[in-house]
């Protein structure tokens, strides 16, 4: 009878370990899938944001550049609605009439990276959107005046 109890306990423990091992693999797959369409933004004060990229040739070109290394962008405040700075390369444009919202990442004229913290309407190329942020949090993180933003795909 004791042997049967040990056999049952062994089988139960094996099932639990197998279940958690499988869950871990599934979670790791989800993390790598989820992160493949995202970039990280590190603002001059050390605040880190994650942004989901758009599915267009502009965002893919940006990601290809980031696969070679991080980009540091010196950004200036413009019109109390955005921070804008040169990427250092020209990316393909996918301009459409767009009304921005806080957290929108925009490509302007193929060579400027823009972070909007207030609405604006114009012909822009969407690159992505900062996740889980509101206007006040974003304005606070970017600060007044100039900002340095590092773009990265490193975890």
Foldseek 3Di string as FASTA:
>chain_A
DVVVVVVVVVVVVVVVVVVVVVVVVVVVVVVVVVLVQWKWKQKQVRDIWIWGWDPDQQLVVVVVVQVVHKFKFKWWDDPVWKTKGFRPDFTDFDWDWDWDDAFWWWQDPRTMTMGTLHIDTDTIGTTTGTPDDHSVRVCVRNDHTIMMMMMHSDD
